[in-house]
Amino acid sequence: MFDPTSWSRLGGLLFTAKTLVDGLYAGGHASPRHGAGMEFHDYRPYVPGDDLSAVDWKLFGRTDRYYLRRDRRYSDLHVQLLVDVSASMDFAALDGPTPDRPTKLAVAKQLAAAIAFLTIRQGDRVGLALGGQRLREAMPVRNSWPHLQQLCATLEQATVNTGAGDVGACLRQLHAMRQRRGLVVLLSDLLDEPGPMLDGLQRLRHDRFEVIVLQVLSPNELHLSQAGVGWRRLVDAESSRRADVRLSGAGAKAEVEYDRRMASHLAALRTACLSRGAAYQLVRTDQPALMSLRQYLARRSAAGW
């Protein structure tokens, strides 16, 4: 799954943060801290009590005014991946998974590994957490190739939990664990009530974490009309509730109502994420994971996010 030839298709894309990050070590991302740094940022007027050593005396000679030179320090980016391993992530299609129709968890794993690779390659730090009802496993945020290998091995071995998931609880746990601001990437199908998830997201945003939500769904989940014709038994993987539905093709009442509710759910999630300052992207399992990531990063860069 993590063949190096696959990584090469990502080219020179870099997974960068759009907001200022706060780090301890030299890196490639602007930090909100100011002081003696690597790159000039701006000037501000001198006020009584400022350190006179920070005054730009050459500028004073030209303007006869006191200004302090401010340089922007650079710090590394801390990326925290949160992969949903609740039971619903094991779904691929009504007829089961195939090489062309992987499970949602398989796609989430590929995306997480790709983001981790890009993060390490550009000299930043990445950690991994797996969550169902609660965080099941968490790896620290580090920057080394052996760490990347261990992270990918953890992803390879990850399996789904039984029972219902709680992404909101996992986000709250992650928020309590994190001590340094950075970027949190959530990979989940988000097929539950959005309230708890949005509460966890809001906590992170309140503390100025950047958050990216990658919602992974299969074509059958997006459009029930693509599930074929005839009787289908739909089973909720987390609650075990069952419903026998007769599908009659596009335009039938059951399919139309399902598609309407799903579209409404997706639109509400996207609006809620964006209104809280979090990036949102829908990822389909019938598209190559690395292509989805490339498209997202290209769109993110073009928009200046």
Protein backbone atom coordinates (compact mmCIF):
# COMPACT_ATOMS: atom_id res chain seq x y z
CA MET A 1 0.00 0.00 0.00
CA PHE A 2 2.94 2.32 0.70
CA ASP A 3 5.02 1.58 -2.37
CA PRO A 4 7.59 4.41 -2.84
CA THR A 5 6.55 4.68 -6.50
CA SER A 6 3.14 5.83 -5.31
CA TRP A 7 4.69 8.65 -3.28
CA SER A 8 6.49 9.96 -6.36
CA ARG A 9 3.14 10.82 -7.94
CA LEU A 10 2.71 13.57 -5.37
CA GLY A 11 5.53 15.53 -7.03
CA GLY A 12 6.61 18.66 -5.24
CA LEU A 13 3.40 19.35 -3.37
CA LEU A 14 3.96 20.42 0.20
CA PHE A 15 1.42 20.06 2.94
CA THR A 16 1.66 23.51 4.48
CA ALA A 17 -0.37 25.35 7.07
CA LYS A 18 -2.34 28.47 6.18
CA THR A 19 -2.12 29.92 9.63
CA LEU A 20 0.84 30.90 11.74
CA VAL A 21 2.10 28.03 13.87
CA ASP A 22 3.95 28.03 17.11
CA GLY A 23 6.96 25.72 17.32
CA LEU A 24 10.20 25.33 19.19
CA TYR A 25 12.53 24.32 16.39
CA ALA A 26 13.68 25.95 13.20
CA GLY A 27 11.45 25.02 10.29
CA GLY A 28 9.63 26.34 7.26
CA HIS A 29 6.46 27.86 8.70
CA ALA A 30 5.92 31.38 9.96
CA SER A 31 5.39 31.71 13.71
CA PRO A 32 3.40 34.38 15.54
CA ARG A 33 6.45 35.01 17.73
CA HIS A 34 8.55 38.02 16.86
CA GLY A 35 12.15 38.79 17.69
CA ALA A 36 15.61 38.18 16.28
CA GLY A 37 14.72 35.80 13.50
CA MET A 38 15.45 34.68 10.00
CA GLU A 39 13.38 37.09 7.94
CA PHE A 40 12.35 40.74 8.22
CA HIS A 41 8.63 41.12 8.96
CA ASP A 42 7.75 44.77 9.62
CA TYR A 43 8.35 47.87 11.74
CA ARG A 44 6.38 49.29 14.61
CA PRO A 45 6.74 52.66 16.37
CA TYR A 46 8.89 52.81 19.51
CA VAL A 47 7.03 53.19 22.80
CA PRO A 48 8.62 53.98 26.18
CA GLY A 49 9.90 50.81 27.79
CA ASP A 50 10.92 49.08 24.54
CA ASP A 51 14.42 47.67 24.26
CA LEU A 52 16.57 50.33 22.57
CA SER A 53 18.71 47.63 20.99
CA ALA A 54 15.74 46.78 18.75
CA VAL A 55 15.56 50.32 17.33
CA ASP A 56 16.53 50.57 13.65
CA TRP A 57 19.03 53.41 13.88
CA LYS A 58 19.53 53.60 10.11
CA LEU A 59 15.81 54.19 9.66
CA PHE A 60 15.98 56.79 12.45
CA GLY A 61 18.70 58.60 10.52
CA ARG A 62 16.45 58.82 7.46
CA THR A 63 13.14 59.62 9.19
CA ASP A 64 14.14 61.14 12.54
CA ARG A 65 11.64 58.76 14.13
CA TYR A 66 12.13 55.73 16.32
CA TYR A 67 10.99 52.40 14.87
CA LEU A 68 11.59 48.88 16.06
CA ARG A 69 12.53 46.31 13.47
CA ARG A 70 10.57 43.07 13.86
CA ASP A 71 11.77 39.81 12.34
CA ARG A 72 9.55 36.77 11.95
CA ARG A 73 10.83 33.58 13.43
CA TYR A 74 10.27 30.28 11.72
CA SER A 75 9.09 27.14 13.38
CA ASP A 76 8.19 23.64 12.40
CA LEU A 77 4.62 22.51 11.82
CA HIS A 78 3.05 19.93 14.12
CA VAL A 79 0.51 17.80 12.23
CA GLN A 80 -1.82 15.51 14.18
CA LEU A 81 -3.71 12.88 12.19
CA LEU A 82 -6.95 11.48 13.64
CA VAL A 83 -8.27 8.42 11.79
CA ASP A 84 -11.79 7.20 12.58
CA VAL A 85 -11.77 3.43 13.14
CA SER A 86 -15.41 3.05 14.13
CA ALA A 87 -17.31 0.10 12.63
CA SER A 88 -18.93 2.10 9.83
CA MET A 89 -15.49 2.78 8.31
CA ASP A 90 -15.32 -0.88 7.25
CA PHE A 91 -17.95 -0.31 4.54
CA ALA A 92 -17.03 -0.37 0.84
CA ALA A 93 -20.19 -1.16 -1.13
CA LEU A 94 -23.41 -3.14 -0.69
CA ASP A 95 -21.76 -6.05 -2.48
CA GLY A 96 -18.57 -5.84 -0.42
CA PRO A 97 -15.07 -4.49 -1.09
CA THR A 98 -13.13 -5.05 -4.31
CA PRO A 99 -9.76 -3.73 -5.52
CA ASP A 100 -11.62 -0.89 -7.24
CA ARG A 101 -13.96 -0.32 -4.28
CA PRO A 102 -11.87 -0.28 -1.08
CA THR A 103 -13.31 0.29 2.34
CA LYS A 104 -13.49 3.79 3.74
CA LEU A 105 -10.87 2.84 6.32
CA ALA A 106 -8.48 1.69 3.60
CA VAL A 107 -8.79 5.05 1.83
CA ALA A 108 -8.39 6.95 5.10
CA LYS A 109 -5.21 4.97 5.83
CA GLN A 110 -3.75 5.85 2.43
CA LEU A 111 -4.56 9.53 2.87
CA ALA A 112 -3.11 9.59 6.38
CA ALA A 113 0.09 7.89 5.23
CA ALA A 114 0.46 10.29 2.30
CA ILE A 115 0.02 13.34 4.55
CA ALA A 116 2.52 11.89 7.04
CA PHE A 117 5.05 11.32 4.27
CA LEU A 118 4.72 14.87 2.96
CA THR A 119 4.99 16.28 6.47
CA ILE A 120 8.18 14.37 7.29
CA ARG A 121 9.69 15.11 3.87
CA GLN A 122 9.41 18.85 4.37
CA GLY A 123 11.00 18.68 7.81
CA ASP A 124 7.89 18.95 9.98
CA ARG A 125 6.46 16.71 12.69
CA VAL A 126 3.51 14.34 12.53
CA GLY A 127 1.58 12.21 14.99
CA LEU A 128 -1.22 9.68 14.64
CA ALA A 129 -4.30 8.89 16.70
CA LEU A 130 -6.89 6.17 16.06
CA GLY A 131 -10.34 6.69 17.49
CA GLY A 132 -13.69 4.94 17.80
CA GLN A 133 -15.76 5.73 20.89
CA ARG A 134 -12.56 7.07 22.41
CA LEU A 135 -8.95 7.37 21.28
CA ARG A 136 -7.68 3.83 20.98
CA GLU A 137 -4.06 4.53 20.17
CA ALA A 138 -1.92 7.63 19.88
CA MET A 139 1.59 8.12 18.54
CA PRO A 140 3.62 11.20 19.54
CA VAL A 141 4.39 14.01 17.12
CA ARG A 142 7.90 13.41 15.77
CA ASN A 143 10.04 13.99 12.71
CA SER A 144 12.12 11.08 11.48
CA TRP A 145 11.94 8.45 8.79
CA PRO A 146 11.87 5.61 11.36
CA HIS A 147 8.89 7.38 12.96
CA LEU A 148 7.17 7.49 9.57
CA GLN A 149 7.79 3.76 9.10
CA GLN A 150 6.29 3.04 12.52
CA LEU A 151 3.32 5.29 11.78
CA CYS A 152 2.63 3.50 8.50
CA ALA A 153 2.97 0.11 10.22
CA THR A 154 0.43 1.22 12.82
CA LEU A 155 -1.94 2.26 10.04
CA GLU A 156 -1.46 -1.05 8.24
CA GLN A 157 -2.42 -3.00 11.37
CA ALA A 158 -5.38 -0.80 12.33
CA THR A 159 -8.77 -2.50 12.34
CA VAL A 160 -12.23 -1.16 13.08
CA ASN A 161 -13.84 -1.15 16.50
CA THR A 162 -17.16 -2.75 17.30
CA GLY A 163 -20.09 -0.58 18.28
CA ALA A 164 -20.81 3.07 17.72
CA GLY A 165 -18.11 5.67 17.25
CA ASP A 166 -17.85 9.12 18.81
CA VAL A 167 -15.66 11.45 16.78
CA GLY A 168 -16.58 14.34 19.04
CA ALA A 169 -15.21 12.57 22.14
CA CYS A 170 -12.01 11.71 20.26
CA LEU A 171 -11.53 15.35 19.23
CA ARG A 172 -12.03 16.49 22.81
CA GLN A 173 -9.47 13.96 24.04
CA LEU A 174 -7.04 15.05 21.36
CA HIS A 175 -7.54 18.69 22.33
CA ALA A 176 -6.75 17.86 25.96
CA MET A 177 -3.57 16.00 24.95
CA ARG A 178 -2.11 18.60 22.58
CA GLN A 179 0.18 21.15 24.17
CA ARG A 180 1.38 22.93 21.05
CA ARG A 181 -0.79 24.48 18.38
CA GLY A 182 -0.57 23.04 14.91
CA LEU A 183 -2.67 21.28 12.30
CA VAL A 184 -5.24 18.57 13.06
CA VAL A 185 -6.44 16.42 10.16
CA LEU A 186 -9.62 14.41 10.79
CA LEU A 187 -10.38 11.48 8.47
CA SER A 188 -13.87 10.07 9.05
CA ASP A 189 -17.15 9.26 7.33
CA LEU A 190 -18.99 11.52 9.84
CA LEU A 191 -22.19 9.48 9.54
CA ASP A 192 -23.64 10.53 12.86
CA GLU A 193 -25.10 13.60 14.50
CA PRO A 194 -22.73 16.50 13.72
CA GLY A 195 -23.18 18.29 17.07
CA PRO A 196 -20.51 16.45 19.16
CA MET A 197 -17.99 16.55 16.31
CA LEU A 198 -18.52 20.28 15.80
CA ASP A 199 -18.12 20.88 19.54
CA GLY A 200 -14.74 19.13 19.48
CA LEU A 201 -13.77 21.03 16.37
CA GLN A 202 -14.76 24.33 17.98
CA ARG A 203 -12.52 23.66 20.97
CA LEU A 204 -9.53 23.18 18.69
CA ARG A 205 -10.33 26.29 16.66
CA HIS A 206 -10.80 28.32 19.85
CA ASP A 207 -7.21 27.51 20.79
CA ARG A 208 -6.12 28.46 17.26
CA PHE A 209 -5.44 24.99 15.92
CA GLU A 210 -5.88 24.67 12.19
CA VAL A 211 -8.30 21.86 11.34
CA ILE A 212 -8.88 20.00 8.09
CA VAL A 213 -11.85 17.62 7.84
CA LEU A 214 -11.61 14.92 5.18
CA GLN A 215 -14.97 13.11 4.97
CA VAL A 216 -14.56 9.70 3.32
CA LEU A 217 -17.67 8.13 1.77
CA SER A 218 -18.46 5.40 -0.75
CA PRO A 219 -20.57 5.97 -3.89
CA ASN A 220 -23.41 3.80 -2.47
CA GLU A 221 -23.58 6.00 0.61
CA LEU A 222 -23.60 9.16 -1.45
CA HIS A 223 -26.31 7.97 -3.86
CA LEU A 224 -28.53 5.02 -3.01
CA SER A 225 -29.70 5.00 -6.63
CA GLN A 226 -26.28 3.52 -7.54
CA ALA A 227 -26.89 0.48 -5.36
CA GLY A 228 -28.70 -1.43 -8.09
CA VAL A 229 -32.26 -2.75 -8.37
CA GLY A 230 -34.13 -5.18 -6.14
CA TRP A 231 -34.38 -5.89 -2.44
CA ARG A 232 -31.44 -4.83 -0.28
CA ARG A 233 -30.96 -5.31 3.42
CA LEU A 234 -29.33 -2.22 4.87
CA VAL A 235 -27.50 -2.80 8.15
CA ASP A 236 -26.15 -0.07 10.41
CA ALA A 237 -22.65 -1.32 11.21
CA GLU A 238 -22.56 0.45 14.57
CA SER A 239 -26.09 -0.08 15.97
CA SER A 240 -26.91 -3.31 14.02
CA ARG A 241 -30.30 -1.87 13.08
CA ARG A 242 -31.64 -3.36 9.83
CA ALA A 243 -34.00 -2.21 7.14
CA ASP A 244 -35.15 -4.11 4.05
CA VAL A 245 -35.53 -1.72 1.13
CA ARG A 246 -36.68 -2.43 -2.40
CA LEU A 247 -34.64 -0.39 -4.85
CA SER A 248 -36.25 0.38 -8.20
CA GLY A 249 -33.56 2.49 -9.81
CA ALA A 250 -33.14 6.23 -10.15
CA GLY A 251 -36.27 8.22 -9.44
CA ALA A 252 -37.85 5.78 -6.98
CA LYS A 253 -39.19 7.23 -3.76
CA ALA A 254 -36.76 5.52 -1.36
CA GLU A 255 -33.69 6.51 -3.37
CA VAL A 256 -34.85 10.09 -3.87
CA GLU A 257 -35.57 10.60 -0.17
CA TYR A 258 -32.27 9.03 0.86
CA ASP A 259 -30.27 11.13 -1.62
CA ARG A 260 -32.05 14.27 -0.43
CA ARG A 261 -31.23 13.62 3.20
CA MET A 262 -27.63 12.72 2.44
CA ALA A 263 -27.14 15.90 0.38
CA SER A 264 -28.64 17.93 3.22
CA HIS A 265 -26.33 16.26 5.76
CA LEU A 266 -23.23 16.91 3.64
CA ALA A 267 -24.17 20.53 2.99
CA ALA A 268 -24.78 21.14 6.70
CA LEU A 269 -21.43 19.60 7.63
CA ARG A 270 -19.54 21.61 5.05
CA THR A 271 -21.20 24.87 6.07
CA ALA A 272 -20.62 24.19 9.77
CA CYS A 273 -16.93 23.39 9.23
CA LEU A 274 -16.27 26.43 7.06
CA SER A 275 -18.15 28.75 9.41
CA ARG A 276 -15.82 27.63 12.20
CA GLY A 277 -12.71 28.25 10.15
CA ALA A 278 -12.00 24.60 9.37
CA ALA A 279 -11.27 23.32 5.88
CA TYR A 280 -13.60 20.62 4.54
CA GLN A 281 -13.18 18.15 1.70
CA LEU A 282 -15.35 15.22 0.59
CA VAL A 283 -13.31 12.19 -0.51
CA ARG A 284 -14.91 9.41 -2.56
CA THR A 285 -13.65 5.85 -2.20
CA ASP A 286 -14.01 5.26 -5.95
CA GLN A 287 -11.25 7.77 -6.65
CA PRO A 288 -7.54 7.05 -6.03
CA ALA A 289 -6.58 8.38 -2.60
CA LEU A 290 -3.41 10.09 -3.81
CA MET A 291 -5.28 11.77 -6.66
CA SER A 292 -7.82 13.10 -4.16
CA LEU A 293 -5.00 14.46 -2.01
CA ARG A 294 -3.27 16.06 -4.98
CA GLN A 295 -6.50 17.74 -6.08
CA TYR A 296 -7.17 19.02 -2.59
CA LEU A 297 -3.68 20.43 -2.08
CA ALA A 298 -3.72 22.08 -5.49
CA ARG A 299 -7.10 23.70 -4.76
CA ARG A 300 -5.90 24.73 -1.30
CA SER A 301 -2.77 26.34 -2.74
CA ALA A 302 -4.64 28.11 -5.54
CA ALA A 303 -7.12 29.56 -3.04
CA GLY A 304 -4.32 30.77 -0.79
CA TRP A 305 -5.61 28.83 2.24
